[in-house]
Amino acid sequence: MTTLLYRGNEYVQQNKAAETSPVQLTYRRNVYQGRLNEAALHNVALTGVQLTYRGVSYTR
């Protein structure tokens, strides 16, 4: 069994590690830019919204 170290404490791994193949991640600039623009538009739409946090009201 494998010995694991977490915050200074050693543990013996009880389960076998998953034997999956690694996943190749990709960066898609157009998807990222599109979602960034959507978030910016959503934030502009929230301007002037009345928010309340712990009984205190705020205007954004």
PDB file of N, CA and C in Angstrom:
ATOM      1  N   MET A   1       0.832  -1.185   0.000  1.00  0.00           N
ATOM      2  CA  MET A   1       0.000   0.000   0.000  1.00  0.00           C
ATOM      3  C   MET A   1       0.879   1.253   0.000  1.00  0.00           C
ATOM      4  N   THR A   2       0.312   2.309  -0.519  1.00  0.00           N
ATOM      5  CA  THR A   2       1.020   3.577  -0.615  1.00  0.00           C
ATOM      6  C   THR A   2       0.812   4.391   0.657  1.00  0.00           C
ATOM      7  N   THR A   3       1.859   5.006   1.164  1.00  0.00           N
ATOM      8  CA  THR A   3       1.762   5.892   2.322  1.00  0.00           C
ATOM      9  C   THR A   3       1.614   7.319   1.819  1.00  0.00           C
ATOM     10  N   LEU A   4       0.573   7.993   2.291  1.00  0.00           N
ATOM     11  CA  LEU A   4       0.292   9.364   1.881  1.00  0.00           C
ATOM     12  C   LEU A   4       0.625  10.306   3.028  1.00  0.00           C
ATOM     13  N   LEU A   5       1.024  11.529   2.695  1.00  0.00           N
ATOM     14  CA  LEU A   5       1.344  12.540   3.699  1.00  0.00           C
ATOM     15  C   LEU A   5       0.402  13.716   3.510  1.00  0.00           C
ATOM     16  N   TYR A   6      -0.352  14.062   4.565  1.00  0.00           N
ATOM     17  CA  TYR A   6      -1.281  15.184   4.508  1.00  0.00           C
ATOM     18  C   TYR A   6      -1.130  15.997   5.774  1.00  0.00           C
ATOM     19  N   ARG A   7      -0.714  17.239   5.634  1.00  0.00           N
ATOM     20  CA  ARG A   7      -0.525  18.155   6.760  1.00  0.00           C
ATOM     21  C   ARG A   7       0.325  17.538   7.866  1.00  0.00           C
ATOM     22  N   GLY A   8       1.372  16.869   7.461  1.00  0.00           N
ATOM     23  CA  GLY A   8       2.312  16.314   8.406  1.00  0.00           C
ATOM     24  C   GLY A   8       1.928  14.964   8.974  1.00  0.00           C
ATOM     25  N   ASN A   9       0.753  14.444   8.634  1.00  0.00           N
ATOM     26  CA  ASN A   9       0.321  13.135   9.113  1.00  0.00           C
ATOM     27  C   ASN A   9       0.402  12.118   7.991  1.00  0.00           C
ATOM     28  N   GLU A  10       0.862  10.932   8.310  1.00  0.00           N
ATOM     29  CA  GLU A  10       0.969   9.878   7.306  1.00  0.00           C
ATOM     30  C   GLU A  10      -0.258   8.982   7.363  1.00  0.00           C
ATOM     31  N   TYR A  11      -0.733   8.606   6.201  1.00  0.00           N
ATOM     32  CA  TYR A  11      -1.893   7.729   6.068  1.00  0.00           C
ATOM     33  C   TYR A  11      -1.549   6.621   5.097  1.00  0.00           C
ATOM     34  N   VAL A  12      -2.143   5.461   5.306  1.00  0.00           N
ATOM     35  CA  VAL A  12      -1.986   4.357   4.374  1.00  0.00           C
ATOM     36  C   VAL A  12      -3.203   4.376   3.457  1.00  0.00           C
ATOM     37  N   GLN A  13      -2.965   4.407   2.166  1.00  0.00           N
ATOM     38  CA  GLN A  13      -4.046   4.454   1.196  1.00  0.00           C
ATOM     39  C   GLN A  13      -4.816   3.147   1.230  1.00  0.00           C
ATOM     40  N   GLN A  14      -6.135   3.235   1.438  1.00  0.00           N
ATOM     41  CA  GLN A  14      -6.984   2.052   1.552  1.00  0.00           C
ATOM     42  C   GLN A  14      -7.492   1.561   0.196  1.00  0.00           C
ATOM     43  N   ASN A  15      -7.658   2.468  -0.747  1.00  0.00           N
ATOM     44  CA  ASN A  15      -8.198   2.118  -2.062  1.00  0.00           C
ATOM     45  C   ASN A  15      -7.099   2.179  -3.108  1.00  0.00           C
ATOM     46  N   LYS A  16      -7.261   1.384  -4.147  1.00  0.00           N
ATOM     47  CA  LYS A  16      -6.314   1.451  -5.252  1.00  0.00           C
ATOM     48  C   LYS A  16      -6.545   2.732  -6.044  1.00  0.00           C
ATOM     49  N   ALA A  17      -5.486   3.265  -6.566  1.00  0.00           N
ATOM     50  CA  ALA A  17      -5.591   4.465  -7.398  1.00  0.00           C
ATOM     51  C   ALA A  17      -6.284   4.112  -8.705  1.00  0.00           C
ATOM     52  N   ALA A  18      -7.067   5.039  -9.219  1.00  0.00           N
ATOM     53  CA  ALA A  18      -7.764   4.823 -10.479  1.00  0.00           C
ATOM     54  C   ALA A  18      -6.752   4.722 -11.616  1.00  0.00           C
ATOM     55  N   GLU A  19      -6.950   3.771 -12.468  1.00  0.00           N
ATOM     56  CA  GLU A  19      -6.038   3.552 -13.588  1.00  0.00           C
ATOM     57  C   GLU A  19      -6.650   4.119 -14.868  1.00  0.00           C
ATOM     58  N   THR A  20      -6.865   5.430 -14.877  1.00  0.00           N
ATOM     59  CA  THR A  20      -7.439   6.073 -16.059  1.00  0.00           C
ATOM     60  C   THR A  20      -6.346   6.776 -16.840  1.00  0.00           C
ATOM     61  N   SER A  21      -6.593   6.936 -18.103  1.00  0.00           N
ATOM     62  CA  SER A  21      -5.620   7.627 -18.936  1.00  0.00           C
ATOM     63  C   SER A  21      -5.737   9.138 -18.708  1.00  0.00           C
ATOM     64  N   PRO A  22      -4.651   9.867 -18.856  1.00  0.00           N
ATOM     65  CA  PRO A  22      -4.707  11.316 -18.643  1.00  0.00           C
ATOM     66  C   PRO A  22      -5.590  12.012 -19.682  1.00  0.00           C
ATOM     67  N   VAL A  23      -6.160  13.126 -19.286  1.00  0.00           N
ATOM     68  CA  VAL A  23      -7.040  13.901 -20.161  1.00  0.00           C
ATOM     69  C   VAL A  23      -6.261  15.079 -20.706  1.00  0.00           C
ATOM     70  N   GLN A  24      -6.335  15.285 -22.009  1.00  0.00           N
ATOM     71  CA  GLN A  24      -5.679  16.421 -22.649  1.00  0.00           C
ATOM     72  C   GLN A  24      -6.627  17.609 -22.611  1.00  0.00           C
ATOM     73  N   LEU A  25      -6.246  18.674 -21.904  1.00  0.00           N
ATOM     74  CA  LEU A  25      -7.063  19.870 -21.835  1.00  0.00           C
ATOM     75  C   LEU A  25      -6.711  20.801 -22.979  1.00  0.00           C
ATOM     76  N   THR A  26      -7.716  21.493 -23.495  1.00  0.00           N
ATOM     77  CA  THR A  26      -7.478  22.425 -24.598  1.00  0.00           C
ATOM     78  C   THR A  26      -7.955  23.814 -24.209  1.00  0.00           C
ATOM     79  N   TYR A  27      -7.334  24.814 -24.783  1.00  0.00           N
ATOM     80  CA  TYR A  27      -7.713  26.204 -24.569  1.00  0.00           C
ATOM     81  C   TYR A  27      -8.367  26.691 -25.843  1.00  0.00           C
ATOM     82  N   ARG A  28      -9.599  27.112 -25.727  1.00  0.00           N
ATOM     83  CA  ARG A  28     -10.314  27.635 -26.892  1.00  0.00           C
ATOM     84  C   ARG A  28     -10.554  29.117 -26.670  1.00  0.00           C
ATOM     85  N   ARG A  29      -9.754  29.916 -27.348  1.00  0.00           N
ATOM     86  CA  ARG A  29      -9.777  31.362 -27.139  1.00  0.00           C
ATOM     87  C   ARG A  29     -11.156  31.958 -27.392  1.00  0.00           C
ATOM     88  N   ASN A  30     -11.815  31.545 -28.466  1.00  0.00           N
ATOM     89  CA  ASN A  30     -13.107  32.146 -28.808  1.00  0.00           C
ATOM     90  C   ASN A  30     -14.170  31.827 -27.750  1.00  0.00           C
ATOM     91  N   VAL A  31     -14.145  30.637 -27.167  1.00  0.00           N
ATOM     92  CA  VAL A  31     -15.099  30.280 -26.112  1.00  0.00           C
ATOM     93  C   VAL A  31     -14.824  31.122 -24.869  1.00  0.00           C
ATOM     94  N   TYR A  32     -13.552  31.230 -24.508  1.00  0.00           N
ATOM     95  CA  TYR A  32     -13.174  32.016 -23.336  1.00  0.00           C
ATOM     96  C   TYR A  32     -13.572  33.479 -23.504  1.00  0.00           C
ATOM     97  N   GLN A  33     -13.254  34.066 -24.662  1.00  0.00           N
ATOM     98  CA  GLN A  33     -13.582  35.465 -24.914  1.00  0.00           C
ATOM     99  C   GLN A  33     -15.090  35.686 -24.906  1.00  0.00           C
ATOM    100  N   GLY A  34     -15.835  34.750 -25.489  1.00  0.00           N
ATOM    101  CA  GLY A  34     -17.295  34.871 -25.516  1.00  0.00           C
ATOM    102  C   GLY A  34     -17.894  34.862 -24.123  1.00  0.00           C
ATOM    103  N   ARG A  35     -17.420  33.962 -23.286  1.00  0.00           N
ATOM    104  CA  ARG A  35     -17.943  33.887 -21.920  1.00  0.00           C
ATOM    105  C   ARG A  35     -17.515  35.089 -21.097  1.00  0.00           C
ATOM    106  N   LEU A  36     -16.329  35.600 -21.352  1.00  0.00           N
ATOM    107  CA  LEU A  36     -15.870  36.801 -20.674  1.00  0.00           C
ATOM    108  C   LEU A  36     -16.756  37.985 -21.045  1.00  0.00           C
ATOM    109  N   ASN A  37     -17.114  38.097 -22.319  1.00  0.00           N
ATOM    110  CA  ASN A  37     -17.995  39.177 -22.775  1.00  0.00           C
ATOM    111  C   ASN A  37     -19.393  39.037 -22.186  1.00  0.00           C
ATOM    112  N   GLU A  38     -19.909  37.800 -22.111  1.00  0.00           N
ATOM    113  CA  GLU A  38     -21.224  37.571 -21.506  1.00  0.00           C
ATOM    114  C   GLU A  38     -21.230  38.019 -20.050  1.00  0.00           C
ATOM    115  N   ALA A  39     -20.181  37.699 -19.331  1.00  0.00           N
ATOM    116  CA  ALA A  39     -20.089  38.081 -17.921  1.00  0.00           C
ATOM    117  C   ALA A  39     -20.040  39.594 -17.783  1.00  0.00           C
ATOM    118  N   ALA A  40     -19.317  40.263 -18.664  1.00  0.00           N
ATOM    119  CA  ALA A  40     -19.225  41.720 -18.617  1.00  0.00           C
ATOM    120  C   ALA A  40     -20.593  42.350 -18.883  1.00  0.00           C
ATOM    121  N   LEU A  41     -21.329  41.809 -19.849  1.00  0.00           N
ATOM    122  CA  LEU A  41     -22.663  42.328 -20.153  1.00  0.00           C
ATOM    123  C   LEU A  41     -23.609  42.090 -18.981  1.00  0.00           C
ATOM    124  N   HIS A  42     -23.486  40.949 -18.351  1.00  0.00           N
ATOM    125  CA  HIS A  42     -24.339  40.623 -17.207  1.00  0.00           C
ATOM    126  C   HIS A  42     -24.053  41.578 -16.052  1.00  0.00           C
ATOM    127  N   ASN A  43     -22.793  41.913 -15.837  1.00  0.00           N
ATOM    128  CA  ASN A  43     -22.430  42.837 -14.766  1.00  0.00           C
ATOM    129  C   ASN A  43     -22.957  44.235 -15.038  1.00  0.00           C
ATOM    130  N   VAL A  44     -22.962  44.660 -16.310  1.00  0.00           N
ATOM    131  CA  VAL A  44     -23.493  45.977 -16.669  1.00  0.00           C
ATOM    132  C   VAL A  44     -24.989  46.000 -16.399  1.00  0.00           C
ATOM    133  N   ALA A  45     -25.670  44.887 -16.681  1.00  0.00           N
ATOM    134  CA  ALA A  45     -27.112  44.807 -16.452  1.00  0.00           C
ATOM    135  C   ALA A  45     -27.440  44.867 -14.966  1.00  0.00           C
ATOM    136  N   LEU A  46     -26.504  44.486 -14.088  1.00  0.00           N
ATOM    137  CA  LEU A  46     -26.747  44.495 -12.650  1.00  0.00           C
ATOM    138  C   LEU A  46     -26.534  45.860 -12.006  1.00  0.00           C
ATOM    139  N   THR A  47     -26.092  46.851 -12.776  1.00  0.00           N
ATOM    140  CA  THR A  47     -25.849  48.180 -12.234  1.00  0.00           C
ATOM    141  C   THR A  47     -27.164  48.768 -11.740  1.00  0.00           C
ATOM    142  N   GLY A  48     -27.149  49.311 -10.535  1.00  0.00           N
ATOM    143  CA  GLY A  48     -28.358  49.901  -9.963  1.00  0.00           C
ATOM    144  C   GLY A  48     -29.221  48.903  -9.224  1.00  0.00           C
ATOM    145  N   VAL A  49     -28.727  47.704  -8.998  1.00  0.00           N
ATOM    146  CA  VAL A  49     -29.485  46.675  -8.301  1.00  0.00           C
ATOM    147  C   VAL A  49     -29.368  46.894  -6.805  1.00  0.00           C
ATOM    148  N   GLN A  50     -30.473  46.696  -6.101  1.00  0.00           N
ATOM    149  CA  GLN A  50     -30.489  46.809  -4.650  1.00  0.00           C
ATOM    150  C   GLN A  50     -30.128  45.461  -4.041  1.00  0.00           C
ATOM    151  N   LEU A  51     -29.035  45.410  -3.278  1.00  0.00           N
ATOM    152  CA  LEU A  51     -28.583  44.189  -2.627  1.00  0.00           C
ATOM    153  C   LEU A  51     -28.704  44.341  -1.123  1.00  0.00           C
ATOM    154  N   THR A  52     -28.986  43.235  -0.442  1.00  0.00           N
ATOM    155  CA  THR A  52     -29.050  43.248   1.014  1.00  0.00           C
ATOM    156  C   THR A  52     -28.161  42.148   1.549  1.00  0.00           C
ATOM    157  N   TYR A  53     -27.280  42.507   2.478  1.00  0.00           N
ATOM    158  CA  TYR A  53     -26.384  41.540   3.099  1.00  0.00           C
ATOM    159  C   TYR A  53     -26.442  41.737   4.603  1.00  0.00           C
ATOM    160  N   ARG A  54     -26.877  40.712   5.286  1.00  0.00           N
ATOM    161  CA  ARG A  54     -27.002  40.735   6.750  1.00  0.00           C
ATOM    162  C   ARG A  54     -27.805  41.955   7.224  1.00  0.00           C
ATOM    163  N   GLY A  55     -28.895  42.222   6.520  1.00  0.00           N
ATOM    164  CA  GLY A  55     -29.791  43.294   6.932  1.00  0.00           C
ATOM    165  C   GLY A  55     -29.387  44.679   6.486  1.00  0.00           C
ATOM    166  N   VAL A  56     -28.260  44.834   5.819  1.00  0.00           N
ATOM    167  CA  VAL A  56     -27.780  46.132   5.350  1.00  0.00           C
ATOM    168  C   VAL A  56     -27.990  46.190   3.842  1.00  0.00           C
ATOM    169  N   SER A  57     -28.656  47.242   3.363  1.00  0.00           N
ATOM    170  CA  SER A  57     -28.916  47.371   1.926  1.00  0.00           C
ATOM    171  C   SER A  57     -27.805  48.138   1.238  1.00  0.00           C
ATOM    172  N   TYR A  58     -27.473  47.695   0.039  1.00  0.00           N
ATOM    173  CA  TYR A  58     -26.453  48.336  -0.789  1.00  0.00           C
ATOM    174  C   TYR A  58     -27.020  48.516  -2.186  1.00  0.00           C
ATOM    175  N   THR A  59     -26.598  49.571  -2.859  1.00  0.00           N
ATOM    176  CA  THR A  59     -26.938  49.764  -4.263  1.00  0.00           C
ATOM    177  C   THR A  59     -25.683  49.561  -5.074  1.00  0.00           C
ATOM    178  N   ARG A  60     -25.781  48.676  -6.029  1.00  0.00           N
ATOM    179  CA  ARG A  60     -24.615  48.388  -6.849  1.00  0.00           C
ATOM    180  C   ARG A  60     -24.696  49.173  -8.117  1.00  0.00           C
TER     181      ARG A  60
END
